[in-house]
N, C-alpha and C. Protein backbone atom coordinates (compact mmCIF):
# COMPACT_ATOMS: atom_id res chain seq x y z
N MET A 1 18.37 114.66 155.33
CA MET A 1 19.48 114.44 154.43
C MET A 1 20.81 114.71 155.13
N ALA A 2 20.86 115.78 155.97
CA ALA A 2 22.10 116.10 156.68
C ALA A 2 22.48 114.97 157.62
N LEU A 3 21.50 114.34 158.28
CA LEU A 3 21.78 113.23 159.17
C LEU A 3 22.34 112.06 158.40
N LEU A 4 21.79 111.78 157.22
CA LEU A 4 22.28 110.69 156.38
C LEU A 4 23.71 110.97 155.93
N ARG A 5 23.97 112.19 155.51
CA ARG A 5 25.32 112.55 155.06
C ARG A 5 26.30 112.44 156.22
N SER A 6 25.92 112.91 157.41
CA SER A 6 26.76 112.82 158.59
C SER A 6 27.06 111.37 158.94
N GLY A 7 26.05 110.50 158.84
CA GLY A 7 26.25 109.08 159.12
C GLY A 7 27.21 108.44 158.13
N ALA A 8 27.10 108.83 156.86
CA ALA A 8 28.01 108.29 155.84
C ALA A 8 29.44 108.74 156.10
N GLN A 9 29.61 110.00 156.51
CA GLN A 9 30.96 110.49 156.83
C GLN A 9 31.53 109.75 158.03
N GLY A 10 30.69 109.51 159.03
CA GLY A 10 31.13 108.77 160.21
C GLY A 10 31.56 107.37 159.85
N LEU A 11 30.77 106.69 158.98
CA LEU A 11 31.11 105.34 158.54
C LEU A 11 32.43 105.34 157.79
N CYS A 12 32.64 106.37 156.96
CA CYS A 12 33.91 106.48 156.22
C CYS A 12 35.08 106.63 157.19
N CYS A 13 34.92 107.47 158.22
CA CYS A 13 35.99 107.68 159.21
C CYS A 13 36.27 106.40 159.99
N VAL A 14 35.21 105.67 160.35
CA VAL A 14 35.38 104.41 161.08
C VAL A 14 36.12 103.41 160.19
N THR A 15 35.74 103.34 158.92
CA THR A 15 36.39 102.42 157.99
C THR A 15 37.87 102.76 157.86
N LEU A 16 38.19 104.06 157.72
CA LEU A 16 39.59 104.47 157.61
C LEU A 16 40.35 104.14 158.89
N ALA A 17 39.74 104.35 160.04
CA ALA A 17 40.40 104.04 161.31
C ALA A 17 40.70 102.55 161.41
N VAL A 18 39.76 101.71 160.97
CA VAL A 18 39.98 100.26 161.01
C VAL A 18 41.13 99.89 160.08
N LEU A 19 41.15 100.47 158.88
CA LEU A 19 42.23 100.17 157.95
C LEU A 19 43.59 100.59 158.51
N LEU A 20 43.64 101.78 159.14
CA LEU A 20 44.90 102.26 159.70
C LEU A 20 45.35 101.42 160.88
N CYS A 21 44.43 101.10 161.77
CA CYS A 21 44.79 100.36 162.98
C CYS A 21 45.15 98.92 162.69
N CYS A 22 44.48 98.31 161.76
CA CYS A 22 44.71 96.90 161.48
C CYS A 22 45.83 96.68 160.48
N GLY A 23 46.32 97.76 159.87
CA GLY A 23 47.39 97.62 158.90
C GLY A 23 46.94 96.92 157.63
N ALA A 24 45.65 97.00 157.30
CA ALA A 24 45.13 96.35 156.10
C ALA A 24 45.83 96.92 154.89
N TYR A 25 46.15 96.07 153.93
CA TYR A 25 46.85 96.51 152.74
C TYR A 25 46.12 95.98 151.52
N THR A 26 45.37 96.84 150.92
CA THR A 26 44.72 96.51 149.66
C THR A 26 44.92 97.68 148.74
N GLU A 27 44.66 97.50 147.47
CA GLU A 27 44.84 98.58 146.53
C GLU A 27 43.95 99.76 146.89
N ALA A 28 42.71 99.49 147.30
CA ALA A 28 41.79 100.55 147.67
C ALA A 28 42.31 101.33 148.88
N SER A 29 42.83 100.65 149.89
CA SER A 29 43.30 101.36 151.08
C SER A 29 44.55 102.17 150.78
N VAL A 30 45.41 101.70 149.86
CA VAL A 30 46.59 102.46 149.49
C VAL A 30 46.16 103.77 148.85
N LEU A 31 45.16 103.74 147.99
CA LEU A 31 44.68 104.97 147.36
C LEU A 31 44.11 105.92 148.41
N ASN A 32 43.35 105.41 149.36
CA ASN A 32 42.81 106.26 150.42
C ASN A 32 43.91 106.85 151.28
N LEU A 33 44.93 106.07 151.61
CA LEU A 33 46.02 106.56 152.46
C LEU A 33 46.84 107.62 151.74
N ARG A 34 46.95 107.55 150.42
CA ARG A 34 47.69 108.57 149.68
C ARG A 34 47.01 109.93 149.79
N ARG A 35 45.71 109.94 149.98
CA ARG A 35 44.96 111.20 150.08
C ARG A 35 44.66 111.58 151.53
N PHE A 36 45.02 110.73 152.46
CA PHE A 36 44.69 110.95 153.87
C PHE A 36 45.46 112.15 154.43
N ILE A 37 44.74 113.10 155.00
CA ILE A 37 45.35 114.22 155.71
C ILE A 37 44.93 114.10 157.16
N GLY A 38 45.88 113.98 158.02
CA GLY A 38 45.61 113.82 159.44
C GLY A 38 46.69 112.99 160.08
N CYS A 39 46.45 112.58 161.29
CA CYS A 39 47.45 111.85 162.06
C CYS A 39 46.76 110.69 162.76
N ALA A 40 47.36 109.51 162.69
CA ALA A 40 46.73 108.32 163.26
C ALA A 40 47.78 107.38 163.83
N VAL A 41 47.34 106.50 164.70
CA VAL A 41 48.18 105.43 165.22
C VAL A 41 48.15 104.30 164.20
N ARG A 42 49.32 103.78 163.85
CA ARG A 42 49.40 102.71 162.86
C ARG A 42 50.48 101.71 163.27
N GLU A 43 50.25 100.46 162.95
CA GLU A 43 51.21 99.41 163.27
C GLU A 43 52.49 99.62 162.46
N PHE A 44 53.63 99.38 163.10
CA PHE A 44 54.93 99.64 162.51
C PHE A 44 55.90 98.57 163.00
N THR A 45 56.73 98.05 162.11
CA THR A 45 57.72 97.03 162.47
C THR A 45 59.12 97.57 162.20
N PHE A 46 60.02 97.37 163.15
CA PHE A 46 61.40 97.81 162.97
C PHE A 46 62.34 96.78 163.58
N LEU A 47 63.62 96.89 163.25
CA LEU A 47 64.64 96.00 163.78
C LEU A 47 65.34 96.69 164.95
N ALA A 48 65.14 96.17 166.15
CA ALA A 48 65.78 96.72 167.36
C ALA A 48 67.18 96.13 167.46
N ARG A 49 68.17 97.01 167.64
CA ARG A 49 69.57 96.56 167.74
C ARG A 49 70.30 97.42 168.75
N LYS A 50 71.31 96.83 169.34
CA LYS A 50 72.26 97.59 170.15
C LYS A 50 73.56 96.81 170.19
N PRO A 51 74.69 97.50 170.38
CA PRO A 51 75.99 96.83 170.35
C PRO A 51 76.06 95.70 171.38
N GLY A 52 76.58 94.56 170.92
CA GLY A 52 76.76 93.41 171.81
C GLY A 52 75.58 92.46 171.85
N CYS A 53 74.50 92.75 171.10
CA CYS A 53 73.32 91.89 171.09
C CYS A 53 72.87 91.64 169.65
N GLY A 54 72.10 90.57 169.49
CA GLY A 54 71.49 90.30 168.21
C GLY A 54 70.27 91.19 168.01
N GLY A 55 69.82 91.30 166.77
CA GLY A 55 68.66 92.13 166.47
C GLY A 55 67.36 91.38 166.71
N LEU A 56 66.29 92.12 166.90
CA LEU A 56 64.96 91.56 167.12
C LEU A 56 63.93 92.42 166.40
N HIS A 57 63.12 91.81 165.52
CA HIS A 57 62.05 92.55 164.86
C HIS A 57 60.93 92.80 165.87
N ILE A 58 60.54 94.06 165.99
CA ILE A 58 59.50 94.46 166.94
C ILE A 58 58.36 95.12 166.16
N THR A 59 57.14 94.70 166.46
CA THR A 59 55.96 95.34 165.90
C THR A 59 55.31 96.13 167.02
N THR A 60 55.10 97.41 166.75
CA THR A 60 54.54 98.32 167.75
C THR A 60 53.58 99.28 167.06
N ASP A 61 53.01 100.19 167.80
CA ASP A 61 52.16 101.23 167.25
C ASP A 61 52.95 102.53 167.22
N ALA A 62 52.89 103.23 166.10
CA ALA A 62 53.60 104.49 165.93
C ALA A 62 52.67 105.51 165.28
N CYS A 63 53.07 106.77 165.31
CA CYS A 63 52.29 107.82 164.67
C CYS A 63 52.62 107.88 163.19
N TRP A 64 51.58 108.11 162.41
CA TRP A 64 51.73 108.16 160.96
C TRP A 64 50.73 109.13 160.38
N GLY A 65 51.14 109.90 159.39
CA GLY A 65 50.20 110.75 158.70
C GLY A 65 50.83 112.00 158.13
N ARG A 66 49.96 112.81 157.55
CA ARG A 66 50.35 114.10 156.97
C ARG A 66 49.43 115.16 157.54
N CYS A 67 50.01 116.26 157.92
CA CYS A 67 49.23 117.34 158.53
C CYS A 67 49.26 118.55 157.61
N GLU A 68 48.25 119.39 157.75
CA GLU A 68 48.18 120.58 156.92
C GLU A 68 49.36 121.50 157.22
N THR A 69 49.99 121.95 156.15
CA THR A 69 51.14 122.85 156.24
C THR A 69 50.99 123.91 155.18
N TRP A 70 51.31 125.15 155.51
CA TRP A 70 51.26 126.20 154.51
C TRP A 70 52.28 127.28 154.83
N GLN A 71 52.62 128.04 153.78
CA GLN A 71 53.52 129.18 153.92
C GLN A 71 52.97 130.31 153.07
N LYS A 72 53.21 131.55 153.50
CA LYS A 72 52.81 132.70 152.68
C LYS A 72 53.85 133.80 152.85
N PRO A 73 54.08 134.55 151.78
CA PRO A 73 55.05 135.65 151.88
C PRO A 73 54.48 136.80 152.71
N VAL A 74 55.37 137.47 153.45
CA VAL A 74 55.01 138.67 154.22
C VAL A 74 56.05 139.75 153.94
N LEU A 75 55.73 140.99 154.26
CA LEU A 75 56.61 142.12 153.93
C LEU A 75 57.73 142.33 154.93
N GLU A 76 57.65 141.74 156.13
CA GLU A 76 58.67 141.92 157.17
C GLU A 76 59.56 140.68 157.25
N PRO A 77 60.83 140.83 157.67
CA PRO A 77 61.68 139.65 157.85
C PRO A 77 61.05 138.68 158.84
N PRO A 78 61.16 137.43 158.65
CA PRO A 78 61.94 136.68 157.66
C PRO A 78 61.25 136.53 156.31
N PHE A 79 60.25 137.36 156.01
CA PHE A 79 59.57 137.44 154.73
C PHE A 79 58.70 136.24 154.39
N ILE A 80 58.45 135.41 155.39
CA ILE A 80 57.57 134.26 155.17
C ILE A 80 56.88 133.91 156.48
N GLU A 81 55.63 133.58 156.40
CA GLU A 81 54.89 133.10 157.56
C GLU A 81 54.62 131.62 157.34
N SER A 82 55.00 130.81 158.30
CA SER A 82 54.87 129.36 158.15
C SER A 82 53.90 128.79 159.16
N HIS A 83 53.18 127.82 158.72
CA HIS A 83 52.30 127.03 159.60
C HIS A 83 52.67 125.58 159.30
N GLN A 84 53.60 125.04 160.06
CA GLN A 84 54.09 123.70 159.79
C GLN A 84 53.82 122.82 160.99
N ARG A 85 52.89 121.89 160.81
CA ARG A 85 52.54 120.95 161.86
C ARG A 85 52.93 119.56 161.38
N VAL A 86 53.26 118.71 162.32
CA VAL A 86 53.68 117.34 162.01
C VAL A 86 52.82 116.36 162.79
N CYS A 87 52.79 115.14 162.30
CA CYS A 87 52.11 114.06 163.01
C CYS A 87 53.03 113.64 164.15
N THR A 88 52.56 113.78 165.38
CA THR A 88 53.43 113.56 166.52
C THR A 88 52.70 112.83 167.65
N TYR A 89 53.47 112.29 168.56
CA TYR A 89 52.95 111.52 169.69
C TYR A 89 52.31 112.45 170.72
N ASN A 90 51.09 112.15 171.11
CA ASN A 90 50.43 112.88 172.20
C ASN A 90 50.44 112.08 173.48
N GLU A 91 50.34 110.76 173.34
CA GLU A 91 50.33 109.88 174.52
C GLU A 91 51.03 108.58 174.15
N THR A 92 51.96 108.15 175.01
CA THR A 92 52.69 106.91 174.77
C THR A 92 52.82 106.11 176.06
N ARG A 93 53.22 104.88 175.90
CA ARG A 93 53.65 104.07 177.04
C ARG A 93 54.95 103.41 176.62
N GLN A 94 55.80 103.12 177.58
CA GLN A 94 57.08 102.47 177.30
C GLN A 94 56.93 100.95 177.41
N GLU A 95 57.56 100.25 176.51
CA GLU A 95 57.66 98.79 176.59
C GLU A 95 59.12 98.42 176.55
N THR A 96 59.44 97.30 177.15
CA THR A 96 60.82 96.81 177.16
C THR A 96 60.82 95.35 176.75
N VAL A 97 61.75 94.99 175.86
CA VAL A 97 61.94 93.60 175.45
C VAL A 97 63.39 93.24 175.74
N LEU A 98 63.67 91.94 175.70
CA LEU A 98 65.04 91.47 175.87
C LEU A 98 65.58 91.04 174.52
N LEU A 99 66.70 91.62 174.12
CA LEU A 99 67.33 91.27 172.85
C LEU A 99 68.06 89.93 173.00
N PRO A 100 68.12 89.17 171.92
CA PRO A 100 68.76 87.84 171.99
C PRO A 100 70.29 87.92 171.83
N ASN A 101 70.92 86.86 172.26
CA ASN A 101 72.35 86.62 172.01
C ASN A 101 73.26 87.78 172.44
N CYS A 102 73.03 88.33 173.62
CA CYS A 102 73.88 89.41 174.10
C CYS A 102 75.16 88.82 174.71
N THR A 103 76.25 89.53 174.50
CA THR A 103 77.52 89.09 175.08
C THR A 103 77.51 89.35 176.58
N ALA A 104 78.39 88.68 177.28
CA ALA A 104 78.47 88.84 178.73
C ALA A 104 78.70 90.30 179.09
N GLY A 105 77.98 90.77 180.08
CA GLY A 105 78.14 92.14 180.55
C GLY A 105 77.28 93.16 179.80
N VAL A 106 76.55 92.73 178.78
CA VAL A 106 75.69 93.65 178.03
C VAL A 106 74.25 93.45 178.49
N ASP A 107 73.62 94.53 178.88
CA ASP A 107 72.22 94.49 179.30
C ASP A 107 71.34 94.22 178.08
N PRO A 108 70.56 93.14 178.08
CA PRO A 108 69.75 92.81 176.91
C PRO A 108 68.47 93.64 176.80
N SER A 109 68.20 94.52 177.76
CA SER A 109 66.96 95.32 177.74
C SER A 109 66.98 96.35 176.62
N TYR A 110 65.84 96.45 175.95
CA TYR A 110 65.66 97.45 174.89
C TYR A 110 64.29 98.08 175.10
N SER A 111 64.24 99.39 175.35
CA SER A 111 62.97 100.09 175.59
C SER A 111 62.59 100.94 174.39
N PHE A 112 61.28 101.05 174.15
CA PHE A 112 60.78 101.83 173.02
C PHE A 112 59.37 102.33 173.35
N PRO A 113 58.97 103.45 172.72
CA PRO A 113 57.64 103.97 172.98
C PRO A 113 56.58 103.26 172.13
N VAL A 114 55.38 103.15 172.67
CA VAL A 114 54.22 102.63 171.95
C VAL A 114 53.22 103.78 171.89
N ALA A 115 52.80 104.14 170.69
CA ALA A 115 51.86 105.25 170.53
C ALA A 115 50.47 104.84 171.01
N LEU A 116 49.89 105.66 171.84
CA LEU A 116 48.50 105.46 172.27
C LEU A 116 47.59 106.47 171.59
N ARG A 117 48.12 107.69 171.35
CA ARG A 117 47.34 108.73 170.70
C ARG A 117 48.28 109.66 169.94
N CYS A 118 47.90 110.01 168.73
CA CYS A 118 48.70 110.87 167.88
C CYS A 118 47.85 112.03 167.38
N ASP A 119 48.47 113.18 167.18
CA ASP A 119 47.76 114.35 166.67
C ASP A 119 48.72 115.20 165.84
N CYS A 120 48.15 116.05 165.00
CA CYS A 120 48.94 117.04 164.30
C CYS A 120 49.29 118.13 165.30
N GLY A 121 50.56 118.50 165.37
CA GLY A 121 50.99 119.52 166.32
C GLY A 121 52.35 120.06 165.95
N LEU A 122 52.86 120.94 166.79
CA LEU A 122 54.19 121.51 166.58
C LEU A 122 55.24 120.42 166.69
N CYS A 123 56.30 120.57 165.95
CA CYS A 123 57.38 119.59 165.98
C CYS A 123 58.24 119.82 167.23
N LEU A 124 58.26 118.82 168.11
CA LEU A 124 59.07 118.88 169.33
C LEU A 124 60.29 117.99 169.15
N THR A 125 61.47 118.57 169.24
CA THR A 125 62.69 117.79 169.02
C THR A 125 62.91 116.72 170.08
N SER A 126 62.18 116.80 171.19
CA SER A 126 62.33 115.78 172.24
C SER A 126 61.69 114.45 171.84
N THR A 127 60.72 114.48 170.91
CA THR A 127 60.04 113.24 170.51
C THR A 127 60.06 112.99 169.01
N THR A 128 60.45 113.98 168.21
CA THR A 128 60.30 113.88 166.77
C THR A 128 61.53 114.44 166.07
N GLU A 129 61.92 113.83 164.95
CA GLU A 129 63.00 114.36 164.12
C GLU A 129 62.45 115.56 163.35
N CYS A 130 62.97 116.75 163.65
CA CYS A 130 62.46 117.99 163.05
C CYS A 130 63.54 118.63 162.19
N ILE A 131 63.15 119.14 161.04
CA ILE A 131 64.07 119.94 160.22
C ILE A 131 63.74 121.37 160.51
N THR A 132 64.70 122.11 161.06
CA THR A 132 64.43 123.50 161.42
C THR A 132 64.98 124.48 160.40
N SER A 133 66.06 124.14 159.70
CA SER A 133 66.59 125.00 158.66
C SER A 133 67.51 124.18 157.76
N VAL A 134 67.73 124.70 156.59
CA VAL A 134 68.57 123.98 155.62
C VAL A 134 69.82 124.77 155.35
């Protein structure tokens, strides 16, 4: 029975990975993603722009997810113990595209990271937008 249960969990994880990687959008996958805790590579589209050039829609892989976070009160300052992890890039590669309609003298090159592997980890301001205090 344990082997059967383990196989079912593995199939569920494979199914979720396929949905995340392929960007499948169905009502069922939206419900699963709302409950998903973890970090995964997922397809993402954004508009690349820079002064002097036209914009270009780029589809790439980026990190996406929610990681376990908790806080508890303690008796010593700062009176709270935090465990805050974020979905962050573990491995990337750089890609470069040429933006259209650049004015003379403007380099049309636009570089961006492509996520190869993502994990829950500490927030590093070198790769991730982190809120450190309010």
